[in-house]
Each structure stands twice: as C-alpha cells, then as structure tokens.
C-alpha atoms as a PDB file:
ATOM      1  CA  MET A   1      48.461 -83.193 -28.078  1.00  0.00           C
ATOM      2  CA  ASN A   2      46.301 -84.506 -25.245  1.00  0.00           C
ATOM      3  CA  LYS A   3      43.312 -82.155 -24.800  1.00  0.00           C
ATOM      4  CA  ARG A   4      43.530 -82.238 -20.996  1.00  0.00           C
ATOM      5  CA  PHE A   5      47.257 -81.414 -21.099  1.00  0.00           C
ATOM      6  CA  PHE A   6      46.589 -78.550 -23.556  1.00  0.00           C
ATOM      7  CA  LEU A   7      43.917 -77.022 -21.303  1.00  0.00           C
ATOM      8  CA  ARG A   8      46.180 -77.369 -18.253  1.00  0.00           C
ATOM      9  CA  SER A   9      49.047 -75.641 -20.134  1.00  0.00           C
ATOM     10  CA  VAL A  10      46.769 -72.782 -21.160  1.00  0.00           C
ATOM     11  CA  SER A  11      45.560 -72.401 -17.566  1.00  0.00           C
ATOM     12  CA  LEU A  12      49.121 -72.280 -16.234  1.00  0.00           C
ATOM     13  CA  ALA A  13      50.087 -69.730 -18.864  1.00  0.00           C
ATOM     14  CA  ALA A  14      47.101 -67.590 -17.967  1.00  0.00           C
ATOM     15  CA  LEU A  15      47.974 -67.869 -14.295  1.00  0.00           C
ATOM     16  CA  ALA A  16      51.547 -66.806 -15.059  1.00  0.00           C
ATOM     17  CA  VAL A  17      50.293 -63.761 -16.961  1.00  0.00           C
ATOM     18  CA  GLY A  18      47.921 -62.953 -14.113  1.00  0.00           C
ATOM     19  CA  ILE A  19      50.797 -63.022 -11.660  1.00  0.00           C
ATOM     20  CA  ALA A  20      53.115 -61.035 -13.912  1.00  0.00           C
ATOM     21  CA  LEU A  21      50.711 -58.158 -14.618  1.00  0.00           C
ATOM     22  CA  PRO A  22      50.635 -56.665 -11.083  1.00  0.00           C
ATOM     23  CA  ALA A  23      54.437 -56.904 -10.877  1.00  0.00           C
ATOM     24  CA  ALA A  24      54.765 -55.112 -14.208  1.00  0.00           C
ATOM     25  CA  ALA A  25      52.345 -52.434 -13.013  1.00  0.00           C
ATOM     26  CA  GLN A  26      54.754 -51.672 -10.175  1.00  0.00           C
ATOM     27  CA  GLN A  27      57.619 -50.875 -12.563  1.00  0.00           C
ATOM     28  CA  TRP A  28      57.012 -47.142 -12.937  1.00  0.00           C
ATOM     29  CA  LYS A  29      59.006 -45.555 -15.754  1.00  0.00           C
ATOM     30  CA  PRO A  30      58.796 -41.745 -15.479  1.00  0.00           C
ATOM     31  CA  THR A  31      58.434 -40.139 -18.902  1.00  0.00           C
ATOM     32  CA  ARG A  32      59.552 -36.652 -17.871  1.00  0.00           C
ATOM     33  CA  PRO A  33      61.827 -35.087 -15.214  1.00  0.00           C
ATOM     34  CA  ILE A  34      60.775 -35.303 -11.560  1.00  0.00           C
ATOM     35  CA  ASN A  35      60.746 -32.093  -9.501  1.00  0.00           C
ATOM     36  CA  LEU A  36      62.276 -32.599  -6.058  1.00  0.00           C
ATOM     37  CA  ILE A  37      61.592 -29.559  -3.872  1.00  0.00           C
ATOM     38  CA  VAL A  38      64.204 -28.843  -1.204  1.00  0.00           C
ATOM     39  CA  PRO A  39      62.413 -26.408   1.146  1.00  0.00           C
ATOM     40  CA  TRP A  40      65.696 -24.934   2.378  1.00  0.00           C
ATOM     41  CA  ALA A  41      68.566 -22.928   0.897  1.00  0.00           C
ATOM     42  CA  ALA A  42      71.259 -24.553  -1.226  1.00  0.00           C
ATOM     43  CA  GLY A  43      74.242 -25.980   0.665  1.00  0.00           C
ATOM     44  CA  GLY A  44      72.406 -26.957   3.842  1.00  0.00           C
ATOM     45  CA  SER A  45      71.965 -30.447   5.264  1.00  0.00           C
ATOM     46  CA  THR A  46      68.786 -31.242   3.319  1.00  0.00           C
ATOM     47  CA  ASP A  47      70.234 -29.924   0.065  1.00  0.00           C
ATOM     48  CA  GLN A  48      73.482 -31.872   0.486  1.00  0.00           C
ATOM     49  CA  VAL A  49      72.080 -35.325   1.128  1.00  0.00           C
ATOM     50  CA  THR A  50      69.163 -34.881  -1.279  1.00  0.00           C
ATOM     51  CA  ARG A  51      71.497 -34.182  -4.197  1.00  0.00           C
ATOM     52  CA  VAL A  52      73.524 -37.315  -3.455  1.00  0.00           C
ATOM     53  CA  THR A  53      70.343 -39.396  -3.150  1.00  0.00           C
ATOM     54  CA  ALA A  54      68.773 -37.903  -6.282  1.00  0.00           C
ATOM     55  CA  ALA A  55      71.832 -38.886  -8.338  1.00  0.00           C
ATOM     56  CA  GLU A  56      71.446 -42.492  -7.147  1.00  0.00           C
ATOM     57  CA  LEU A  57      67.716 -42.487  -7.946  1.00  0.00           C
ATOM     58  CA  GLU A  58      68.328 -41.096 -11.432  1.00  0.00           C
ATOM     59  CA  LYS A  59      70.465 -44.142 -12.265  1.00  0.00           C
ATOM     60  CA  ALA A  60      67.697 -46.529 -11.218  1.00  0.00           C
ATOM     61  CA  LEU A  61      64.792 -44.594 -12.756  1.00  0.00           C
ATOM     62  CA  GLY A  62      66.534 -43.593 -15.985  1.00  0.00           C
ATOM     63  CA  GLN A  63      65.116 -40.098 -15.636  1.00  0.00           C
ATOM     64  CA  THR A  64      66.360 -36.661 -14.518  1.00  0.00           C
ATOM     65  CA  ILE A  65      65.480 -35.403 -11.049  1.00  0.00           C
ATOM     66  CA  VAL A  66      65.466 -31.598 -10.881  1.00  0.00           C
ATOM     67  CA  ILE A  67      66.361 -30.136  -7.468  1.00  0.00           C
ATOM     68  CA  VAL A  68      64.272 -27.021  -6.785  1.00  0.00           C
ATOM     69  CA  ASN A  69      65.407 -24.972  -3.765  1.00  0.00           C
ATOM     70  CA  GLN A  70      62.368 -23.198  -2.328  1.00  0.00           C
ATOM     71  CA  PRO A  71      63.259 -21.892   1.146  1.00  0.00           C
ATOM     72  CA  GLY A  72      61.031 -19.903   3.458  1.00  0.00           C
ATOM     73  CA  ALA A  73      58.909 -20.185   6.621  1.00  0.00           C
ATOM     74  CA  SER A  74      61.226 -22.803   8.140  1.00  0.00           C
ATOM     75  CA  GLY A  75      60.597 -25.258   5.317  1.00  0.00           C
ATOM     76  CA  ALA A  76      56.816 -24.809   5.200  1.00  0.00           C
ATOM     77  CA  ILE A  77      56.632 -23.027   1.817  1.00  0.00           C
ATOM     78  CA  GLY A  78      58.420 -25.704  -0.192  1.00  0.00           C
ATOM     79  CA  THR A  79      56.649 -28.513   1.638  1.00  0.00           C
ATOM     80  CA  LYS A  80      53.229 -26.984   0.883  1.00  0.00           C
ATOM     81  CA  SER A  81      54.192 -26.628  -2.793  1.00  0.00           C
ATOM     82  CA  ALA A  82      54.866 -30.357  -2.963  1.00  0.00           C
ATOM     83  CA  MET A  83      51.675 -31.170  -1.078  1.00  0.00           C
ATOM     84  CA  ASP A  84      49.537 -28.975  -3.365  1.00  0.00           C
ATOM     85  CA  ALA A  85      51.099 -30.217  -6.617  1.00  0.00           C
ATOM     86  CA  ALA A  86      49.284 -32.659  -8.904  1.00  0.00           C
ATOM     87  CA  LYS A  87      49.333 -36.159  -7.378  1.00  0.00           C
ATOM     88  CA  ASP A  88      50.915 -37.671 -10.466  1.00  0.00           C
ATOM     89  CA  GLY A  89      54.182 -38.748  -8.836  1.00  0.00           C
ATOM     90  CA  TYR A  90      56.311 -36.046 -10.442  1.00  0.00           C
ATOM     91  CA  THR A  91      56.656 -33.689  -7.451  1.00  0.00           C
ATOM     92  CA  TRP A  92      58.455 -34.784  -4.259  1.00  0.00           C
ATOM     93  CA  THR A  93      60.002 -32.951  -1.341  1.00  0.00           C
ATOM     94  CA  ALA A  94      62.769 -33.610   1.178  1.00  0.00           C
ATOM     95  CA  GLY A  95      63.958 -32.657   4.630  1.00  0.00           C
ATOM     96  CA  ALA A  96      63.982 -33.733   8.248  1.00  0.00           C
ATOM     97  CA  ALA A  97      61.023 -35.879   9.250  1.00  0.00           C
ATOM     98  CA  GLN A  98      60.774 -34.106  12.619  1.00  0.00           C
ATOM     99  CA  ASP A  99      60.155 -30.808  10.772  1.00  0.00           C
ATOM    100  CA  LEU A 100      57.505 -32.384   8.544  1.00  0.00           C
ATOM    101  CA  GLY A 101      55.756 -33.719  11.649  1.00  0.00           C
ATOM    102  CA  ALA A 102      55.582 -30.290  13.303  1.00  0.00           C
ATOM    103  CA  TYR A 103      53.906 -28.161  10.618  1.00  0.00           C
ATOM    104  CA  GLN A 104      50.319 -28.998  11.555  1.00  0.00           C
ATOM    105  CA  ALA A 105      50.745 -28.128  15.238  1.00  0.00           C
ATOM    106  CA  LEU A 106      52.570 -24.939  14.248  1.00  0.00           C
ATOM    107  CA  GLY A 107      49.684 -23.964  11.964  1.00  0.00           C
ATOM    108  CA  SER A 108      51.980 -23.458   8.965  1.00  0.00           C
ATOM    109  CA  VAL A 109      50.925 -26.422   6.761  1.00  0.00           C
ATOM    110  CA  ASN A 110      47.889 -28.627   7.378  1.00  0.00           C
ATOM    111  CA  THR A 111      49.698 -31.935   7.095  1.00  0.00           C
ATOM    112  CA  ASN A 112      51.096 -34.626   9.356  1.00  0.00           C
ATOM    113  CA  ILE A 113      53.743 -37.295   9.020  1.00  0.00           C
ATOM    114  CA  LYS A 114      51.218 -39.980   8.008  1.00  0.00           C
ATOM    115  CA  ASP A 115      50.191 -37.973   4.917  1.00  0.00           C
ATOM    116  CA  TRP A 116      53.518 -38.878   3.305  1.00  0.00           C
ATOM    117  CA  HIS A 117      55.486 -41.868   2.086  1.00  0.00           C
ATOM    118  CA  LEU A 118      58.849 -41.557   3.865  1.00  0.00           C
ATOM    119  CA  PHE A 119      62.110 -42.642   2.245  1.00  0.00           C
ATOM    120  CA  LEU A 120      64.849 -42.051   4.814  1.00  0.00           C
ATOM    121  CA  ASN A 121      68.545 -41.933   3.944  1.00  0.00           C
ATOM    122  CA  VAL A 122      70.540 -40.700   6.969  1.00  0.00           C
ATOM    123  CA  ALA A 123      70.100 -39.740  10.600  1.00  0.00           C
ATOM    124  CA  ASN A 124      71.797 -36.490  11.555  1.00  0.00           C
ATOM    125  CA  ILE A 125      73.149 -35.130  14.798  1.00  0.00           C
ATOM    126  CA  GLN A 126      73.349 -31.506  15.958  1.00  0.00           C
ATOM    127  CA  VAL A 127      76.590 -29.982  17.184  1.00  0.00           C
ATOM    128  CA  ILE A 128      77.318 -26.904  19.291  1.00  0.00           C
ATOM    129  CA  GLY A 129      79.810 -25.096  17.049  1.00  0.00           C
ATOM    130  CA  VAL A 130      81.209 -21.752  18.185  1.00  0.00           C
ATOM    131  CA  ASN A 131      83.129 -19.017  16.430  1.00  0.00           C
ATOM    132  CA  PRO A 132      86.827 -19.602  17.273  1.00  0.00           C
ATOM    133  CA  ALA A 133      87.180 -16.011  18.483  1.00  0.00           C
ATOM    134  CA  ARG A 134      84.712 -16.707  21.292  1.00  0.00           C
ATOM    135  CA  PRO A 135      86.182 -17.773  24.661  1.00  0.00           C
ATOM    136  CA  TRP A 136      84.355 -21.059  25.372  1.00  0.00           C
ATOM    137  CA  LYS A 137      86.480 -24.213  25.208  1.00  0.00           C
ATOM    138  CA  ASN A 138      83.800 -26.713  26.274  1.00  0.00           C
ATOM    139  CA  ALA A 139      80.034 -26.972  26.718  1.00  0.00           C
ATOM    140  CA  LYS A 140      80.142 -26.318  30.463  1.00  0.00           C
ATOM    141  CA  GLU A 141      81.893 -22.967  29.979  1.00  0.00           C
ATOM    142  CA  LEU A 142      79.292 -21.952  27.372  1.00  0.00           C
ATOM    143  CA  LEU A 143      76.315 -22.973  29.502  1.00  0.00           C
ATOM    144  CA  ASP A 144      77.738 -21.210  32.569  1.00  0.00           C
ATOM    145  CA  ASP A 145      78.150 -18.029  30.501  1.00  0.00           C
ATOM    146  CA  MET A 146      74.588 -18.347  29.119  1.00  0.00           C
ATOM    147  CA  LYS A 147      73.285 -18.533  32.685  1.00  0.00           C
ATOM    148  CA  ALA A 148      75.374 -15.518  33.695  1.00  0.00           C
ATOM    149  CA  LYS A 149      74.243 -13.496  30.637  1.00  0.00           C
ATOM    150  CA  PRO A 150      70.636 -14.577  29.932  1.00  0.00           C
ATOM    151  CA  GLY A 151      69.478 -13.726  26.406  1.00  0.00           C
ATOM    152  CA  GLN A 152      72.774 -12.129  25.360  1.00  0.00           C
ATOM    153  CA  ILE A 153      74.589 -14.978  23.597  1.00  0.00           C
ATOM    154  CA  SER A 154      73.400 -15.339  19.982  1.00  0.00           C
ATOM    155  CA  VAL A 155      72.669 -18.682  18.329  1.00  0.00           C
ATOM    156  CA  ALA A 156      72.285 -18.988  14.532  1.00  0.00           C
ATOM    157  CA  THR A 157      69.629 -21.484  13.392  1.00  0.00           C
ATOM    158  CA  ALA A 158      67.599 -22.208  10.263  1.00  0.00           C
ATOM    159  CA  GLY A 159      64.372 -21.143  11.958  1.00  0.00           C
ATOM    160  CA  VAL A 160      61.675 -22.388  14.269  1.00  0.00           C
ATOM    161  CA  THR A 161      61.309 -25.977  12.991  1.00  0.00           C
ATOM    162  CA  SER A 162      64.980 -26.489  12.159  1.00  0.00           C
ATOM    163  CA  ALA A 163      67.424 -28.913  13.726  1.00  0.00           C
ATOM    164  CA  GLY A 164      69.325 -26.013  15.260  1.00  0.00           C
ATOM    165  CA  HIS A 165      66.245 -24.572  16.940  1.00  0.00           C
ATOM    166  CA  ASN A 166      65.194 -28.023  18.086  1.00  0.00           C
ATOM    167  CA  ALA A 167      68.626 -28.530  19.637  1.00  0.00           C
ATOM    168  CA  MET A 168      68.329 -25.273  21.572  1.00  0.00           C
ATOM    169  CA  ASP A 169      64.835 -26.236  22.765  1.00  0.00           C
ATOM    170  CA  GLN A 170      66.310 -29.428  24.202  1.00  0.00           C
ATOM    171  CA  ILE A 171      69.222 -27.551  25.791  1.00  0.00           C
ATOM    172  CA  VAL A 172      66.868 -24.974  27.335  1.00  0.00           C
ATOM    173  CA  LYS A 173      64.621 -27.732  28.670  1.00  0.00           C
ATOM    174  CA  ALA A 174      67.601 -29.510  30.273  1.00  0.00           C
ATOM    175  CA  THR A 175      69.457 -26.464  31.631  1.00  0.00           C
ATOM    176  CA  GLY A 176      67.106 -23.476  31.802  1.00  0.00           C
ATOM    177  CA  VAL A 177      69.485 -21.174  29.881  1.00  0.00           C
ATOM    178  CA  LYS A 178      68.190 -18.250  27.788  1.00  0.00           C
ATOM    179  CA  TYR A 179      69.665 -17.167  24.464  1.00  0.00           C
ATOM    180  CA  LYS A 180      69.200 -14.813  21.511  1.00  0.00           C
ATOM    181  CA  GLU A 181      68.119 -16.650  18.359  1.00  0.00           C
ATOM    182  CA  VAL A 182      69.115 -15.379  14.913  1.00  0.00           C
ATOM    183  CA  SER A 183      67.190 -17.180  12.132  1.00  0.00           C
ATOM    184  CA  TYR A 184      68.307 -17.818   8.555  1.00  0.00           C
ATOM    185  CA  ASP A 185      66.802 -19.524   5.480  1.00  0.00           C
ATOM    186  CA  GLY A 186      68.818 -22.700   5.929  1.00  0.00           C
ATOM    187  CA  GLY A 187      71.522 -24.437   7.893  1.00  0.00           C
ATOM    188  CA  ASN A 188      74.332 -23.353   5.602  1.00  0.00           C
ATOM    189  CA  PRO A 189      73.584 -19.596   5.974  1.00  0.00           C
ATOM    190  CA  ALA A 190      73.383 -20.090   9.761  1.00  0.00           C
ATOM    191  CA  VAL A 191      76.805 -21.763   9.775  1.00  0.00           C
ATOM    192  CA  VAL A 192      78.314 -19.056   7.557  1.00  0.00           C
ATOM    193  CA  ALA A 193      76.915 -16.383   9.890  1.00  0.00           C
ATOM    194  CA  THR A 194      78.643 -18.051  12.837  1.00  0.00           C
ATOM    195  CA  VAL A 195      81.941 -18.320  10.963  1.00  0.00           C
ATOM    196  CA  SER A 196      81.768 -14.617  10.079  1.00  0.00           C
ATOM    197  CA  GLY A 197      81.066 -13.649  13.679  1.00  0.00           C
ATOM    198  CA  GLU A 198      77.535 -12.443  12.992  1.00  0.00           C
ATOM    199  CA  ALA A 199      76.408 -14.968  15.616  1.00  0.00           C
ATOM    200  CA  ASP A 200      78.299 -16.450  18.553  1.00  0.00           C
ATOM    201  CA  LEU A 201      77.464 -20.070  17.807  1.00  0.00           C
ATOM    202  CA  THR A 202      75.232 -22.445  15.905  1.00  0.00           C
ATOM    203  CA  THR A 203      73.527 -25.683  16.881  1.00  0.00           C
ATOM    204  CA  GLN A 204      72.848 -26.845  13.336  1.00  0.00           C
ATOM    205  CA  LEU A 205      73.760 -30.318  12.118  1.00  0.00           C
ATOM    206  CA  ALA A 206      77.241 -31.815  11.953  1.00  0.00           C
ATOM    207  CA  VAL A 207      76.868 -32.286   8.188  1.00  0.00           C
ATOM    208  CA  GLU A 208      76.452 -28.529   7.799  1.00  0.00           C
ATOM    209  CA  GLN A 209      79.402 -27.684  10.041  1.00  0.00           C
ATOM    210  CA  ALA A 210      81.841 -30.451   9.062  1.00  0.00           C
ATOM    211  CA  ASP A 211      83.982 -28.523   6.566  1.00  0.00           C
ATOM    212  CA  MET A 212      84.211 -25.477   8.823  1.00  0.00           C
ATOM    213  CA  ILE A 213      85.176 -27.666  11.788  1.00  0.00           C
ATOM    214  CA  ARG A 214      87.888 -29.427   9.779  1.00  0.00           C
ATOM    215  CA  GLY A 215      89.102 -26.042   8.561  1.00  0.00           C
ATOM    216  CA  LYS A 216      89.209 -24.730  12.172  1.00  0.00           C
ATOM    217  CA  ARG A 217      86.732 -21.987  11.339  1.00  0.00           C
ATOM    218  CA  LEU A 218      84.314 -23.402  13.909  1.00  0.00           C
ATOM    219  CA  ARG A 219      85.169 -24.996  17.256  1.00  0.00           C
ATOM    220  CA  PRO A 220      82.842 -27.893  18.164  1.00  0.00           C
ATOM    221  CA  LEU A 221      82.060 -28.041  21.877  1.00  0.00           C
ATOM    222  CA  ALA A 222      79.652 -30.988  22.002  1.00  0.00           C
ATOM    223  CA  THR A 223      77.103 -33.063  20.134  1.00  0.00           C
ATOM    224  CA  VAL A 224      73.532 -32.326  21.217  1.00  0.00           C
ATOM    225  CA  SER A 225      73.252 -35.945  22.269  1.00  0.00           C
ATOM    226  CA  ASP A 226      74.264 -38.577  24.781  1.00  0.00           C
ATOM    227  CA  LYS A 227      76.639 -40.051  22.202  1.00  0.00           C
ATOM    228  CA  PRO A 228      79.988 -38.773  20.878  1.00  0.00           C
ATOM    229  CA  LEU A 229      80.567 -38.246  17.169  1.00  0.00           C
ATOM    230  CA  GLU A 230      83.674 -39.209  15.246  1.00  0.00           C
ATOM    231  CA  LEU A 231      84.121 -36.751  12.403  1.00  0.00           C
ATOM    232  CA  GLU A 232      86.479 -37.778   9.624  1.00  0.00           C
ATOM    233  CA  GLY A 233      89.437 -35.405   9.446  1.00  0.00           C
ATOM    234  CA  TYR A 234      88.814 -33.942  12.903  1.00  0.00           C
ATOM    235  CA  GLY A 235      88.408 -36.534  15.629  1.00  0.00           C
ATOM    236  CA  VAL A 236      85.858 -37.145  18.358  1.00  0.00           C
ATOM    237  CA  ILE A 237      83.321 -34.517  19.454  1.00  0.00           C
ATOM    238  CA  PRO A 238      82.146 -35.258  23.028  1.00  0.00           C
ATOM    239  CA  PRO A 239      78.437 -35.533  23.902  1.00  0.00           C
ATOM    240  CA  LEU A 240      76.541 -32.816  25.754  1.00  0.00           C
ATOM    241  CA  ALA A 241      75.610 -35.511  28.276  1.00  0.00           C
ATOM    242  CA  GLN A 242      79.180 -35.222  29.529  1.00  0.00           C
ATOM    243  CA  SER A 243      78.374 -31.698  30.789  1.00  0.00           C
ATOM    244  CA  VAL A 244      74.634 -32.204  31.370  1.00  0.00           C
ATOM    245  CA  PRO A 245      74.171 -35.636  33.022  1.00  0.00           C
ATOM    246  CA  GLY A 246      71.134 -37.527  31.782  1.00  0.00           C
ATOM    247  CA  PHE A 247      70.805 -35.535  28.556  1.00  0.00           C
ATOM    248  CA  THR A 248      69.421 -37.532  25.603  1.00  0.00           C
ATOM    249  CA  ALA A 249      68.053 -36.764  22.124  1.00  0.00           C
ATOM    250  CA  PRO A 250      66.223 -38.938  19.551  1.00  0.00           C
ATOM    251  CA  ALA A 251      67.697 -39.537  16.091  1.00  0.00           C
ATOM    252  CA  ASN A 252      66.936 -36.809  13.537  1.00  0.00           C
ATOM    253  CA  TYR A 253      66.121 -38.661  10.302  1.00  0.00           C
ATOM    254  CA  PHE A 254      66.301 -37.039   6.878  1.00  0.00           C
ATOM    255  CA  GLY A 255      64.918 -38.290   3.580  1.00  0.00           C
ATOM    256  CA  ILE A 256      62.712 -37.821   0.549  1.00  0.00           C
ATOM    257  CA  PHE A 257      58.956 -37.502   1.025  1.00  0.00           C
ATOM    258  CA  ILE A 258      56.277 -38.359  -1.551  1.00  0.00           C
ATOM    259  CA  PRO A 259      52.722 -37.235  -0.758  1.00  0.00           C
ATOM    260  CA  LYS A 260      50.093 -39.922  -0.372  1.00  0.00           C
ATOM    261  CA  GLY A 261      47.579 -40.016  -3.191  1.00  0.00           C
ATOM    262  CA  VAL A 262      50.143 -40.503  -5.983  1.00  0.00           C
ATOM    263  CA  PRO A 263      49.765 -43.638  -8.144  1.00  0.00           C
ATOM    264  CA  ASP A 264      50.649 -46.841  -6.313  1.00  0.00           C
ATOM    265  CA  ASP A 265      53.195 -47.889  -8.926  1.00  0.00           C
ATOM    266  CA  VAL A 266      55.235 -44.737  -8.169  1.00  0.00           C
ATOM    267  CA  VAL A 267      55.460 -45.659  -4.485  1.00  0.00           C
ATOM    268  CA  LYS A 268      56.174 -49.336  -5.143  1.00  0.00           C
ATOM    269  CA  THR A 269      58.928 -48.490  -7.610  1.00  0.00           C
ATOM    270  CA  VAL A 270      60.673 -46.089  -5.220  1.00  0.00           C
ATOM    271  CA  GLU A 271      60.301 -48.628  -2.380  1.00  0.00           C
ATOM    272  CA  ARG A 272      61.950 -51.264  -4.567  1.00  0.00           C
ATOM    273  CA  ILE A 273      64.819 -48.911  -5.440  1.00  0.00           C
ATOM    274  CA  TRP A 274      65.233 -48.040  -1.758  1.00  0.00           C
ATOM    275  CA  THR A 275      65.485 -51.647  -0.622  1.00  0.00           C
ATOM    276  CA  GLN A 276      67.608 -52.849  -3.555  1.00  0.00           C
ATOM    277  CA  ASN A 277      69.809 -49.853  -4.437  1.00  0.00           C
ATOM    278  CA  ILE A 278      69.811 -47.106  -1.823  1.00  0.00           C
ATOM    279  CA  VAL A 279      70.642 -49.441   1.074  1.00  0.00           C
ATOM    280  CA  LYS A 280      73.819 -50.411  -0.817  1.00  0.00           C
ATOM    281  CA  SER A 281      74.736 -46.940  -2.068  1.00  0.00           C
ATOM    282  CA  GLU A 282      78.470 -46.334  -1.670  1.00  0.00           C
ATOM    283  CA  ALA A 283      77.963 -42.652  -2.512  1.00  0.00           C
ATOM    284  CA  LEU A 284      75.556 -42.189   0.401  1.00  0.00           C
ATOM    285  CA  LYS A 285      77.775 -44.228   2.737  1.00  0.00           C
ATOM    286  CA  LYS A 286      80.738 -42.036   1.830  1.00  0.00           C
ATOM    287  CA  TYR A 287      78.662 -38.895   2.355  1.00  0.00           C
ATOM    288  CA  ALA A 288      77.568 -40.077   5.803  1.00  0.00           C
ATOM    289  CA  THR A 289      81.031 -41.028   7.057  1.00  0.00           C
ATOM    290  CA  SER A 290      82.674 -37.865   5.741  1.00  0.00           C
ATOM    291  CA  ARG A 291      79.979 -35.533   7.072  1.00  0.00           C
ATOM    292  CA  GLY A 292      79.291 -37.072  10.462  1.00  0.00           C
ATOM    293  CA  ALA A 293      75.907 -38.707   9.789  1.00  0.00           C
ATOM    294  CA  LEU A 294      74.443 -42.192  10.312  1.00  0.00           C
ATOM    295  CA  PHE A 295      73.702 -44.081   7.078  1.00  0.00           C
ATOM    296  CA  ASN A 296      70.411 -45.870   7.718  1.00  0.00           C
ATOM    297  CA  PRO A 297      68.004 -46.093   4.728  1.00  0.00           C
ATOM    298  CA  LEU A 298      64.413 -46.962   5.708  1.00  0.00           C
ATOM    299  CA  SER A 299      60.996 -46.830   4.057  1.00  0.00           C
ATOM    300  CA  GLY A 300      57.387 -47.844   4.715  1.00  0.00           C
ATOM    301  CA  ASP A 301      56.225 -48.691   8.241  1.00  0.00           C
ATOM    302  CA  ALA A 302      59.814 -48.951   9.510  1.00  0.00           C
ATOM    303  CA  ALA A 303      60.431 -45.347   8.486  1.00  0.00           C
ATOM    304  CA  GLN A 304      57.271 -44.097  10.187  1.00  0.00           C
ATOM    305  CA  LYS A 305      58.210 -45.912  13.384  1.00  0.00           C
ATOM    306  CA  ALA A 306      61.809 -44.648  13.327  1.00  0.00           C
ATOM    307  CA  VAL A 307      60.942 -40.960  12.982  1.00  0.00           C
ATOM    308  CA  PHE A 308      58.104 -40.701  15.481  1.00  0.00           C
ATOM    309  CA  PRO A 309      60.210 -40.232  18.666  1.00  0.00           C
ATOM    310  CA  ALA A 310      61.945 -37.191  17.142  1.00  0.00           C
ATOM    311  CA  VAL A 311      58.626 -35.832  15.867  1.00  0.00           C
ATOM    312  CA  GLN A 312      57.152 -36.138  19.363  1.00  0.00           C
ATOM    313  CA  ALA A 313      60.132 -34.540  21.092  1.00  0.00           C
ATOM    314  CA  ASN A 314      60.357 -31.692  18.590  1.00  0.00           C
ATOM    315  CA  VAL A 315      56.689 -30.734  18.522  1.00  0.00           C
ATOM    316  CA  TRP A 316      56.232 -30.921  22.296  1.00  0.00           C
ATOM    317  CA  ASN A 317      59.347 -28.796  22.830  1.00  0.00           C
ATOM    318  CA  LEU A 318      57.877 -26.255  20.395  1.00  0.00           C
ATOM    319  CA  HIS A 319      54.584 -26.392  22.277  1.00  0.00           C
ATOM    320  CA  ALA A 320      56.293 -25.897  25.655  1.00  0.00           C
ATOM    321  CA  SER A 321      57.995 -22.766  24.338  1.00  0.00           C
ATOM    322  CA  GLY A 322      54.689 -21.340  23.073  1.00  0.00           C
ATOM    323  CA  LYS A 323      55.348 -21.703  19.344  1.00  0.00           C
ATOM    324  CA  THR A 324      52.489 -24.029  18.359  1.00  0.00           C
ATOM    325  CA  LYS A 325      48.972 -22.957  17.393  1.00  0.00           C
ATOM    326  CA  VAL A 326      47.343 -26.121  18.778  1.00  0.00           C
ATOM    327  CA  ALA A 327      48.276 -28.777  21.330  1.00  0.00           C
ATOM    328  CA  PRO A 328      50.153 -31.629  19.594  1.00  0.00           C
ATOM    329  CA  ASP A 329      47.874 -34.300  21.067  1.00  0.00           C
ATOM    330  CA  THR A 330      44.923 -32.747  19.191  1.00  0.00           C
ATOM    331  CA  VAL A 331      46.660 -33.567  15.879  1.00  0.00           C
ATOM    332  CA  GLY A 332      47.655 -37.123  16.737  1.00  0.00           C
ATOM    333  CA  ILE A 333      50.973 -36.588  18.541  1.00  0.00           C
ATOM    334  CA  PRO A 334      50.720 -37.738  22.161  1.00  0.00           C
ATOM    335  CA  LYS A 335      53.172 -36.400  24.709  1.00  0.00           C
ATOM    336  CA  PRO A 336      56.283 -38.632  24.934  1.00  0.00           C
END
C-alpha cells in the first residue's frame, strides 16, 4: 500500500471518529427511571398532557418516567422540588410556562423562565364554564350580574398563579368586575367544585372542562380570548371578545421543564426526541383535538420566545392586583 495513501486513510478515519464522538455523547441513555414532578393534583390540565407526553418519551428513551403529583402553593412546591433536586437529569417538572415565569416575582420560588430548558407540547385556552343551574346564558349576562353584585359571584380556580386566576385577572382588567375566588389544589378539583355547585363558575382551561361540557354538566359561556374554540363533541364556544370588544389574551403554553445545570447530553437527547418524535406524535395530536388545545411542540430558543408574552401578561396582572412581592421589571420581566 502506498505510504501516503495509508497516512491519508488513517487521518480520515481519525477525523470520522472525532466527528462521531460528540454525536455519540449526545445520545443519553437513562439507566434508571426519571421522576417527572407534576406540581398540581391528578386529573388537571398539567397532569393530563404530561402523562400523554411521558408515554411518548418513554418509547424514545427506553426508560420508565414516573409521574409524581406534588400539589401545593399554586405549583410552587413541586417546582421547587425539581429545582432543588440533584442536577443529574433524572428529575424534571411540568406545567404552564406562564406560572413558572411568575414564581420569582411572587416570592414563592427564586427562579425565572430562563433557568429552565422548556419543552412545550400544547397551548391551552381558558373557558368561562358555569354550573348549569346558574341563570347566565352568555358572557354579557354574567358580567352584568358581576357588576350588579360585586364580590358575590364565586369563581373556582387552581390558585393564584393558575390559568383560571390569570383569566380572571384579565377579565377584571378589561371590565372592572369584582368576584369571590375559591382556590383549589388543581384545575380538576376546581372544575368538580363548579359541577357540584360549590362555586358558581370556573375559568380554568378547556382541557379540564371538556368532558363536563360535553356531558352538559358545565355550560361554556366564552373562551377567555379573542378567538372561538371548536370543541370536539360539543361545537363552537364563542370568544369573550364578542362581549368585551378589544379583548385579547396571549397563548398559554404547557410543557415539560428541565432545570439548567443538568448534563448537556440529557438536554440534547430530549431536544432530538422533541424535534423528531414529539412533533409527529399522533397521541398528542389526538389529545389536543379532543380536549380543545393547540398542538404546537417547541423547544430551545423558539420555546422561550413563544412563552414570554404570556409570562409578561400574567406577572404584570398579578402585580397590578397586589399579589407580587417585587416589581416584575426588577426580575427581568419588562411591562408589556
């Protein structure tokens, strides 16, 4: 063999190995089950979509993902558990990105949205769902009654950072109504309380109300949005903007969150699964269409950019109602 050809072949082989090693390092193979903390009660919006997503991830990772429901303090307790866990890639959390982005301003968990790798699966929309025994047939009738009886009509939510509370903050800001809030440890308990008549209505997410709406145990008056929602098995729910001209609301993205500081190969592997598998997931698509959610998987910089408008709106609404410990702009969230 020609010596020059031999040396060139060896060099090319070495180069190939050099290129292959970093790629191989990004193929994380978990050797034990992953704990995925859902910081809300079982059955709620976060729990629902996280279980569907976890099943898809298990197929790609070849490892069990254990869902751990750890509700309390409007999601702060479970989120802090994930943040404080060993940064070995085996403890994740889940939820709404707008909640995660509010904890620091609220003083409940010293973390912000940029401390996490975001893996978004769906965007959710809130709905005004009332107990069928209540008299209101549309959003205008409800809002007129709220103005006539300030602080008397009860609204069930999953607590101060929840989608339901955020929806009411937006409604209050747009209309000036006052209401009585009744808080629960998750969206599902808030919906059940409304169905039972313990509360007059709920403004939790469509995914949490869908079955009760289809079963005529809740009457949807409007989406808390400028867009209507077509719910499979029910029909079209009109937007609140129909009763409150000019009303808008940013998309409320949900997903799985991995704290920064974990090994890079963990993040790269999940990113690869997200872009190759999750974006094509028929199970997640079916979940979204049947529950009234938008299927829109995102990760990396695109995820951070997508969630920020909702984070801004949520935290500044909380600040305006006196619920934050510090001004949002002091923790990197400028006023929208």
